[in-house]
Amino acid sequence: MQMTKNGIPIDIPSQRKKAPTTGKFSVPKDFYKFKRFATMVGFEEGCNVIATVPMGHPEFNNFINKGFKVIEVWDRRNIA
């Protein structure tokens, strides 16, 4: 990175490092058969965690058992 004589960095777009591209978010195929979802919040390994889980899925009960709280319940809309 280039700097001025006063130590101020000069932004040259062609010299920027390229940000890594991430893959597409994958959703388990069995989630598509559910219509009602819950947004949950919990605390894991020292971090706040927000999760979106189908309410009829076994993972929903796993999150409840871990102490997660339901903050919102919503229905999936149909995409035509």
PDB file of N, CA and C in Angstrom:
ATOM      1  N   MET A   1       0.838  -1.165   0.000  1.00  0.00           N
ATOM      2  CA  MET A   1       0.000   0.000   0.000  1.00  0.00           C
ATOM      3  C   MET A   1       0.891   1.238   0.000  1.00  0.00           C
ATOM      4  N   GLN A   2       0.555   2.156  -0.857  1.00  0.00           N
ATOM      5  CA  GLN A   2       1.319   3.386  -0.935  1.00  0.00           C
ATOM      6  C   GLN A   2       0.841   4.372   0.114  1.00  0.00           C
ATOM      7  N   MET A   3       1.774   5.219   0.541  1.00  0.00           N
ATOM      8  CA  MET A   3       1.453   6.232   1.538  1.00  0.00           C
ATOM      9  C   MET A   3       2.009   7.578   1.092  1.00  0.00           C
ATOM     10  N   THR A   4       1.374   8.632   1.579  1.00  0.00           N
ATOM     11  CA  THR A   4       1.890   9.972   1.313  1.00  0.00           C
ATOM     12  C   THR A   4       3.093  10.207   2.203  1.00  0.00           C
ATOM     13  N   LYS A   5       3.756  11.343   2.041  1.00  0.00           N
ATOM     14  CA  LYS A   5       4.938  11.621   2.864  1.00  0.00           C
ATOM     15  C   LYS A   5       4.571  11.802   4.339  1.00  0.00           C
ATOM     16  N   ASN A   6       3.277  12.024   4.633  1.00  0.00           N
ATOM     17  CA  ASN A   6       2.827  12.168   6.017  1.00  0.00           C
ATOM     18  C   ASN A   6       2.323  10.850   6.609  1.00  0.00           C
ATOM     19  N   GLY A   7       2.417   9.770   5.870  1.00  0.00           N
ATOM     20  CA  GLY A   7       2.010   8.456   6.364  1.00  0.00           C
ATOM     21  C   GLY A   7       0.540   8.141   6.178  1.00  0.00           C
ATOM     22  N   ILE A   8      -0.147   8.908   5.340  1.00  0.00           N
ATOM     23  CA  ILE A   8      -1.563   8.659   5.079  1.00  0.00           C
ATOM     24  C   ILE A   8      -1.669   7.670   3.922  1.00  0.00           C
ATOM     25  N   PRO A   9      -2.399   6.556   4.121  1.00  0.00           N
ATOM     26  CA  PRO A   9      -2.500   5.578   3.038  1.00  0.00           C
ATOM     27  C   PRO A   9      -3.287   6.126   1.846  1.00  0.00           C
ATOM     28  N   ILE A  10      -2.825   5.774   0.652  1.00  0.00           N
ATOM     29  CA  ILE A  10      -3.492   6.166  -0.587  1.00  0.00           C
ATOM     30  C   ILE A  10      -4.280   4.962  -1.086  1.00  0.00           C
ATOM     31  N   ASP A  11      -5.562   5.179  -1.349  1.00  0.00           N
ATOM     32  CA  ASP A  11      -6.417   4.098  -1.823  1.00  0.00           C
ATOM     33  C   ASP A  11      -6.355   4.028  -3.342  1.00  0.00           C
ATOM     34  N   ILE A  12      -5.748   2.955  -3.843  1.00  0.00           N
ATOM     35  CA  ILE A  12      -5.676   2.717  -5.279  1.00  0.00           C
ATOM     36  C   ILE A  12      -6.465   1.434  -5.545  1.00  0.00           C
ATOM     37  N   PRO A  13      -7.652   1.554  -6.176  1.00  0.00           N
ATOM     38  CA  PRO A  13      -8.514   0.377  -6.353  1.00  0.00           C
ATOM     39  C   PRO A  13      -7.840  -0.805  -7.034  1.00  0.00           C
ATOM     40  N   SER A  14      -6.963  -0.565  -7.965  1.00  0.00           N
ATOM     41  CA  SER A  14      -6.335  -1.681  -8.681  1.00  0.00           C
ATOM     42  C   SER A  14      -5.351  -2.443  -7.798  1.00  0.00           C
ATOM     43  N   GLN A  15      -4.923  -1.851  -6.675  1.00  0.00           N
ATOM     44  CA  GLN A  15      -3.972  -2.519  -5.789  1.00  0.00           C
ATOM     45  C   GLN A  15      -4.632  -3.159  -4.563  1.00  0.00           C
ATOM     46  N   ARG A  16      -5.952  -3.086  -4.489  1.00  0.00           N
ATOM     47  CA  ARG A  16      -6.664  -3.696  -3.360  1.00  0.00           C
ATOM     48  C   ARG A  16      -6.599  -5.213  -3.457  1.00  0.00           C
ATOM     49  N   LYS A  17      -6.555  -5.862  -2.301  1.00  0.00           N
ATOM     50  CA  LYS A  17      -6.628  -7.316  -2.277  1.00  0.00           C
ATOM     51  C   LYS A  17      -8.063  -7.728  -2.533  1.00  0.00           C
ATOM     52  N   LYS A  18      -8.230  -8.757  -3.319  1.00  0.00           N
ATOM     53  CA  LYS A  18      -9.557  -9.255  -3.634  1.00  0.00           C
ATOM     54  C   LYS A  18     -10.114 -10.026  -2.433  1.00  0.00           C
ATOM     55  N   ALA A  19     -11.370  -9.769  -2.089  1.00  0.00           N
ATOM     56  CA  ALA A  19     -12.026 -10.486  -1.001  1.00  0.00           C
ATOM     57  C   ALA A  19     -12.391 -11.888  -1.483  1.00  0.00           C
ATOM     58  N   PRO A  20     -12.220 -12.878  -0.626  1.00  0.00           N
ATOM     59  CA  PRO A  20     -12.583 -14.235  -1.050  1.00  0.00           C
ATOM     60  C   PRO A  20     -14.093 -14.341  -1.235  1.00  0.00           C
ATOM     61  N   THR A  21     -14.497 -15.085  -2.248  1.00  0.00           N
ATOM     62  CA  THR A  21     -15.924 -15.288  -2.477  1.00  0.00           C
ATOM     63  C   THR A  21     -16.353 -16.526  -1.714  1.00  0.00           C
ATOM     64  N   THR A  22     -17.502 -16.433  -1.088  1.00  0.00           N
ATOM     65  CA  THR A  22     -18.011 -17.566  -0.328  1.00  0.00           C
ATOM     66  C   THR A  22     -19.033 -18.304  -1.171  1.00  0.00           C
ATOM     67  N   GLY A  23     -19.231 -19.555  -0.846  1.00  0.00           N
ATOM     68  CA  GLY A  23     -20.202 -20.361  -1.571  1.00  0.00           C
ATOM     69  C   GLY A  23     -21.620 -19.975  -1.208  1.00  0.00           C
ATOM     70  N   LYS A  24     -22.553 -20.505  -1.935  1.00  0.00           N
ATOM     71  CA  LYS A  24     -23.960 -20.232  -1.696  1.00  0.00           C
ATOM     72  C   LYS A  24     -24.392 -20.932  -0.412  1.00  0.00           C
ATOM     73  N   PHE A  25     -25.241 -20.263   0.362  1.00  0.00           N
ATOM     74  CA  PHE A  25     -25.742 -20.838   1.608  1.00  0.00           C
ATOM     75  C   PHE A  25     -26.589 -22.063   1.282  1.00  0.00           C
ATOM     76  N   SER A  26     -26.298 -23.163   1.923  1.00  0.00           N
ATOM     77  CA  SER A  26     -27.040 -24.387   1.619  1.00  0.00           C
ATOM     78  C   SER A  26     -28.074 -24.655   2.713  1.00  0.00           C
ATOM     79  N   VAL A  27     -29.241 -25.048   2.291  1.00  0.00           N
ATOM     80  CA  VAL A  27     -30.338 -25.381   3.194  1.00  0.00           C
ATOM     81  C   VAL A  27     -30.611 -26.869   3.040  1.00  0.00           C
ATOM     82  N   PRO A  28     -30.706 -27.593   4.159  1.00  0.00           N
ATOM     83  CA  PRO A  28     -31.026 -29.020   4.040  1.00  0.00           C
ATOM     84  C   PRO A  28     -32.348 -29.224   3.308  1.00  0.00           C
ATOM     85  N   LYS A  29     -32.396 -30.226   2.453  1.00  0.00           N
ATOM     86  CA  LYS A  29     -33.571 -30.444   1.609  1.00  0.00           C
ATOM     87  C   LYS A  29     -34.830 -30.752   2.418  1.00  0.00           C
ATOM     88  N   ASP A  30     -34.688 -31.348   3.600  1.00  0.00           N
ATOM     89  CA  ASP A  30     -35.888 -31.656   4.380  1.00  0.00           C
ATOM     90  C   ASP A  30     -36.533 -30.412   4.995  1.00  0.00           C
ATOM     91  N   PHE A  31     -35.872 -29.255   4.953  1.00  0.00           N
ATOM     92  CA  PHE A  31     -36.456 -28.010   5.465  1.00  0.00           C
ATOM     93  C   PHE A  31     -37.576 -27.509   4.550  1.00  0.00           C
ATOM     94  N   TYR A  32     -37.575 -27.884   3.277  1.00  0.00           N
ATOM     95  CA  TYR A  32     -38.552 -27.373   2.331  1.00  0.00           C
ATOM     96  C   TYR A  32     -39.959 -27.924   2.565  1.00  0.00           C
ATOM     97  N   LYS A  33     -40.094 -29.020   3.285  1.00  0.00           N
ATOM     98  CA  LYS A  33     -41.424 -29.581   3.523  1.00  0.00           C
ATOM     99  C   LYS A  33     -42.152 -28.888   4.669  1.00  0.00           C
ATOM    100  N   PHE A  34     -41.494 -27.973   5.370  1.00  0.00           N
ATOM    101  CA  PHE A  34     -42.102 -27.261   6.489  1.00  0.00           C
ATOM    102  C   PHE A  34     -42.599 -25.884   6.054  1.00  0.00           C
ATOM    103  N   LYS A  35     -43.678 -25.441   6.663  1.00  0.00           N
ATOM    104  CA  LYS A  35     -44.256 -24.134   6.347  1.00  0.00           C
ATOM    105  C   LYS A  35     -43.987 -23.107   7.448  1.00  0.00           C
ATOM    106  N   ARG A  36     -43.928 -23.534   8.701  1.00  0.00           N
ATOM    107  CA  ARG A  36     -43.783 -22.617   9.826  1.00  0.00           C
ATOM    108  C   ARG A  36     -42.356 -22.708  10.388  1.00  0.00           C
ATOM    109  N   PHE A  37     -41.720 -21.544  10.538  1.00  0.00           N
ATOM    110  CA  PHE A  37     -40.350 -21.463  11.014  1.00  0.00           C
ATOM    111  C   PHE A  37     -40.274 -20.591  12.256  1.00  0.00           C
ATOM    112  N   ALA A  38     -39.221 -20.760  13.025  1.00  0.00           N
ATOM    113  CA  ALA A  38     -38.986 -19.943  14.213  1.00  0.00           C
ATOM    114  C   ALA A  38     -37.580 -19.358  14.140  1.00  0.00           C
ATOM    115  N   THR A  39     -37.475 -18.100  14.494  1.00  0.00           N
ATOM    116  CA  THR A  39     -36.170 -17.465  14.647  1.00  0.00           C
ATOM    117  C   THR A  39     -35.842 -17.532  16.125  1.00  0.00           C
ATOM    118  N   MET A  40     -34.676 -18.098  16.440  1.00  0.00           N
ATOM    119  CA  MET A  40     -34.300 -18.337  17.831  1.00  0.00           C
ATOM    120  C   MET A  40     -32.987 -17.650  18.149  1.00  0.00           C
ATOM    121  N   VAL A  41     -32.801 -17.308  19.394  1.00  0.00           N
ATOM    122  CA  VAL A  41     -31.556 -16.688  19.837  1.00  0.00           C
ATOM    123  C   VAL A  41     -31.058 -17.451  21.064  1.00  0.00           C
ATOM    124  N   GLY A  42     -29.735 -17.621  21.111  1.00  0.00           N
ATOM    125  CA  GLY A  42     -29.120 -18.329  22.231  1.00  0.00           C
ATOM    126  C   GLY A  42     -27.671 -17.920  22.392  1.00  0.00           C
ATOM    127  N   PHE A  43     -26.998 -18.572  23.313  1.00  0.00           N
ATOM    128  CA  PHE A  43     -25.611 -18.252  23.631  1.00  0.00           C
ATOM    129  C   PHE A  43     -24.813 -19.539  23.558  1.00  0.00           C
ATOM    130  N   GLU A  44     -23.795 -19.588  22.677  1.00  0.00           N
ATOM    131  CA  GLU A  44     -22.968 -20.773  22.488  1.00  0.00           C
ATOM    132  C   GLU A  44     -21.509 -20.380  22.407  1.00  0.00           C
ATOM    133  N   GLU A  45     -20.668 -21.027  23.186  1.00  0.00           N
ATOM    134  CA  GLU A  45     -19.214 -20.838  23.152  1.00  0.00           C
ATOM    135  C   GLU A  45     -18.824 -19.364  23.248  1.00  0.00           C
ATOM    136  N   GLY A  46     -19.518 -18.620  24.093  1.00  0.00           N
ATOM    137  CA  GLY A  46     -19.171 -17.220  24.311  1.00  0.00           C
ATOM    138  C   GLY A  46     -19.703 -16.257  23.274  1.00  0.00           C
ATOM    139  N   CYS A  47     -20.574 -16.709  22.379  1.00  0.00           N
ATOM    140  CA  CYS A  47     -21.100 -15.850  21.316  1.00  0.00           C
ATOM    141  C   CYS A  47     -22.623 -15.937  21.275  1.00  0.00           C
ATOM    142  N   ASN A  48     -23.255 -14.824  20.917  1.00  0.00           N
ATOM    143  CA  ASN A  48     -24.691 -14.843  20.659  1.00  0.00           C
ATOM    144  C   ASN A  48     -24.923 -15.513  19.316  1.00  0.00           C
ATOM    145  N   VAL A  49     -25.917 -16.391  19.251  1.00  0.00           N
ATOM    146  CA  VAL A  49     -26.211 -17.137  18.035  1.00  0.00           C
ATOM    147  C   VAL A  49     -27.680 -16.916  17.680  1.00  0.00           C
ATOM    148  N   ILE A  50     -27.942 -16.618  16.398  1.00  0.00           N
ATOM    149  CA  ILE A  50     -29.301 -16.511  15.893  1.00  0.00           C
ATOM    150  C   ILE A  50     -29.497 -17.632  14.885  1.00  0.00           C
ATOM    151  N   ALA A  51     -30.580 -18.397  15.063  1.00  0.00           N
ATOM    152  CA  ALA A  51     -30.846 -19.538  14.186  1.00  0.00           C
ATOM    153  C   ALA A  51     -32.277 -19.477  13.675  1.00  0.00           C
ATOM    154  N   THR A  52     -32.482 -19.930  12.447  1.00  0.00           N
ATOM    155  CA  THR A  52     -33.810 -20.069  11.874  1.00  0.00           C
ATOM    156  C   THR A  52     -34.046 -21.551  11.638  1.00  0.00           C
ATOM    157  N   VAL A  53     -35.097 -22.089  12.267  1.00  0.00           N
ATOM    158  CA  VAL A  53     -35.338 -23.528  12.268  1.00  0.00           C
ATOM    159  C   VAL A  53     -36.818 -23.803  12.011  1.00  0.00           C
ATOM    160  N   PRO A  54     -37.152 -24.840  11.220  1.00  0.00           N
ATOM    161  CA  PRO A  54     -38.554 -25.229  11.081  1.00  0.00           C
ATOM    162  C   PRO A  54     -39.089 -25.737  12.422  1.00  0.00           C
ATOM    163  N   MET A  55     -40.309 -25.362  12.759  1.00  0.00           N
ATOM    164  CA  MET A  55     -40.837 -25.701  14.080  1.00  0.00           C
ATOM    165  C   MET A  55     -41.107 -27.193  14.248  1.00  0.00           C
ATOM    166  N   GLY A  56     -41.366 -27.933  13.189  1.00  0.00           N
ATOM    167  CA  GLY A  56     -41.624 -29.362  13.314  1.00  0.00           C
ATOM    168  C   GLY A  56     -40.389 -30.226  13.190  1.00  0.00           C
ATOM    169  N   HIS A  57     -39.250 -29.634  12.968  1.00  0.00           N
ATOM    170  CA  HIS A  57     -37.997 -30.367  12.741  1.00  0.00           C
ATOM    171  C   HIS A  57     -37.368 -30.764  14.078  1.00  0.00           C
ATOM    172  N   PRO A  58     -36.684 -31.908  14.152  1.00  0.00           N
ATOM    173  CA  PRO A  58     -36.018 -32.307  15.400  1.00  0.00           C
ATOM    174  C   PRO A  58     -34.978 -31.290  15.883  1.00  0.00           C
ATOM    175  N   GLU A  59     -34.372 -30.533  14.978  1.00  0.00           N
ATOM    176  CA  GLU A  59     -33.402 -29.508  15.387  1.00  0.00           C
ATOM    177  C   GLU A  59     -34.055 -28.442  16.267  1.00  0.00           C
ATOM    178  N   PHE A  60     -35.337 -28.176  16.049  1.00  0.00           N
ATOM    179  CA  PHE A  60     -36.043 -27.188  16.860  1.00  0.00           C
ATOM    180  C   PHE A  60     -36.007 -27.596  18.332  1.00  0.00           C
ATOM    181  N   ASN A  61     -36.284 -28.871  18.588  1.00  0.00           N
ATOM    182  CA  ASN A  61     -36.247 -29.367  19.970  1.00  0.00           C
ATOM    183  C   ASN A  61     -34.832 -29.359  20.529  1.00  0.00           C
ATOM    184  N   ASN A  62     -33.834 -29.622  19.687  1.00  0.00           N
ATOM    185  CA  ASN A  62     -32.444 -29.567  20.145  1.00  0.00           C
ATOM    186  C   ASN A  62     -32.070 -28.157  20.611  1.00  0.00           C
ATOM    187  N   PHE A  63     -32.510 -27.151  19.846  1.00  0.00           N
ATOM    188  CA  PHE A  63     -32.219 -25.770  20.231  1.00  0.00           C
ATOM    189  C   PHE A  63     -32.936 -25.390  21.526  1.00  0.00           C
ATOM    190  N   ILE A  64     -34.183 -25.831  21.678  1.00  0.00           N
ATOM    191  CA  ILE A  64     -34.935 -25.553  22.909  1.00  0.00           C
ATOM    192  C   ILE A  64     -34.211 -26.181  24.105  1.00  0.00           C
ATOM    193  N   ASN A  65     -33.735 -27.416  23.942  1.00  0.00           N
ATOM    194  CA  ASN A  65     -33.026 -28.092  25.031  1.00  0.00           C
ATOM    195  C   ASN A  65     -31.700 -27.421  25.372  1.00  0.00           C
ATOM    196  N   LYS A  66     -31.076 -26.754  24.404  1.00  0.00           N
ATOM    197  CA  LYS A  66     -29.821 -26.037  24.650  1.00  0.00           C
ATOM    198  C   LYS A  66     -30.053 -24.685  25.313  1.00  0.00           C
ATOM    199  N   GLY A  67     -31.330 -24.280  25.458  1.00  0.00           N
ATOM    200  CA  GLY A  67     -31.635 -23.018  26.123  1.00  0.00           C
ATOM    201  C   GLY A  67     -31.910 -21.861  25.183  1.00  0.00           C
ATOM    202  N   PHE A  68     -32.090 -22.137  23.899  1.00  0.00           N
ATOM    203  CA  PHE A  68     -32.413 -21.076  22.949  1.00  0.00           C
ATOM    204  C   PHE A  68     -33.847 -20.600  23.192  1.00  0.00           C
ATOM    205  N   LYS A  69     -34.099 -19.331  22.933  1.00  0.00           N
ATOM    206  CA  LYS A  69     -35.429 -18.745  23.088  1.00  0.00           C
ATOM    207  C   LYS A  69     -35.986 -18.373  21.722  1.00  0.00           C
ATOM    208  N   VAL A  70     -37.293 -18.595  21.536  1.00  0.00           N
ATOM    209  CA  VAL A  70     -37.975 -18.228  20.291  1.00  0.00           C
ATOM    210  C   VAL A  70     -38.277 -16.738  20.351  1.00  0.00           C
ATOM    211  N   ILE A  71     -37.800 -16.002  19.333  1.00  0.00           N
ATOM    212  CA  ILE A  71     -38.072 -14.562  19.301  1.00  0.00           C
ATOM    213  C   ILE A  71     -39.088 -14.201  18.226  1.00  0.00           C
ATOM    214  N   GLU A  72     -39.289 -15.093  17.244  1.00  0.00           N
ATOM    215  CA  GLU A  72     -40.237 -14.806  16.172  1.00  0.00           C
ATOM    216  C   GLU A  72     -40.685 -16.116  15.528  1.00  0.00           C
ATOM    217  N   VAL A  73     -41.963 -16.188  15.204  1.00  0.00           N
ATOM    218  CA  VAL A  73     -42.511 -17.330  14.468  1.00  0.00           C
ATOM    219  C   VAL A  73     -43.102 -16.777  13.182  1.00  0.00           C
ATOM    220  N   TRP A  74     -42.790 -17.416  12.052  1.00  0.00           N
ATOM    221  CA  TRP A  74     -43.258 -16.915  10.759  1.00  0.00           C
ATOM    222  C   TRP A  74     -43.516 -18.074   9.803  1.00  0.00           C
ATOM    223  N   ASP A  75     -44.341 -17.805   8.799  1.00  0.00           N
ATOM    224  CA  ASP A  75     -44.675 -18.802   7.787  1.00  0.00           C
ATOM    225  C   ASP A  75     -43.885 -18.531   6.518  1.00  0.00           C
ATOM    226  N   ARG A  76     -43.412 -19.621   5.919  1.00  0.00           N
ATOM    227  CA  ARG A  76     -42.670 -19.502   4.665  1.00  0.00           C
ATOM    228  C   ARG A  76     -43.658 -19.169   3.564  1.00  0.00           C
ATOM    229  N   ARG A  77     -43.305 -18.235   2.718  1.00  0.00           N
ATOM    230  CA  ARG A  77     -44.203 -17.911   1.617  1.00  0.00           C
ATOM    231  C   ARG A  77     -43.892 -18.797   0.427  1.00  0.00           C
ATOM    232  N   ASN A  78     -44.885 -19.035  -0.371  1.00  0.00           N
ATOM    233  CA  ASN A  78     -44.717 -19.862  -1.570  1.00  0.00           C
ATOM    234  C   ASN A  78     -44.154 -19.000  -2.696  1.00  0.00           C
ATOM    235  N   ILE A  79     -43.136 -19.494  -3.330  1.00  0.00           N
ATOM    236  CA  ILE A  79     -42.519 -18.791  -4.447  1.00  0.00           C
ATOM    237  C   ILE A  79     -43.028 -19.444  -5.728  1.00  0.00           C
ATOM    238  N   ALA A  80     -43.690 -18.657  -6.537  1.00  0.00           N
ATOM    239  CA  ALA A  80     -44.286 -19.218  -7.753  1.00  0.00           C
ATOM    240  C   ALA A  80     -43.319 -19.223  -8.902  1.00  0.00           C
TER     241      ALA A  80
END
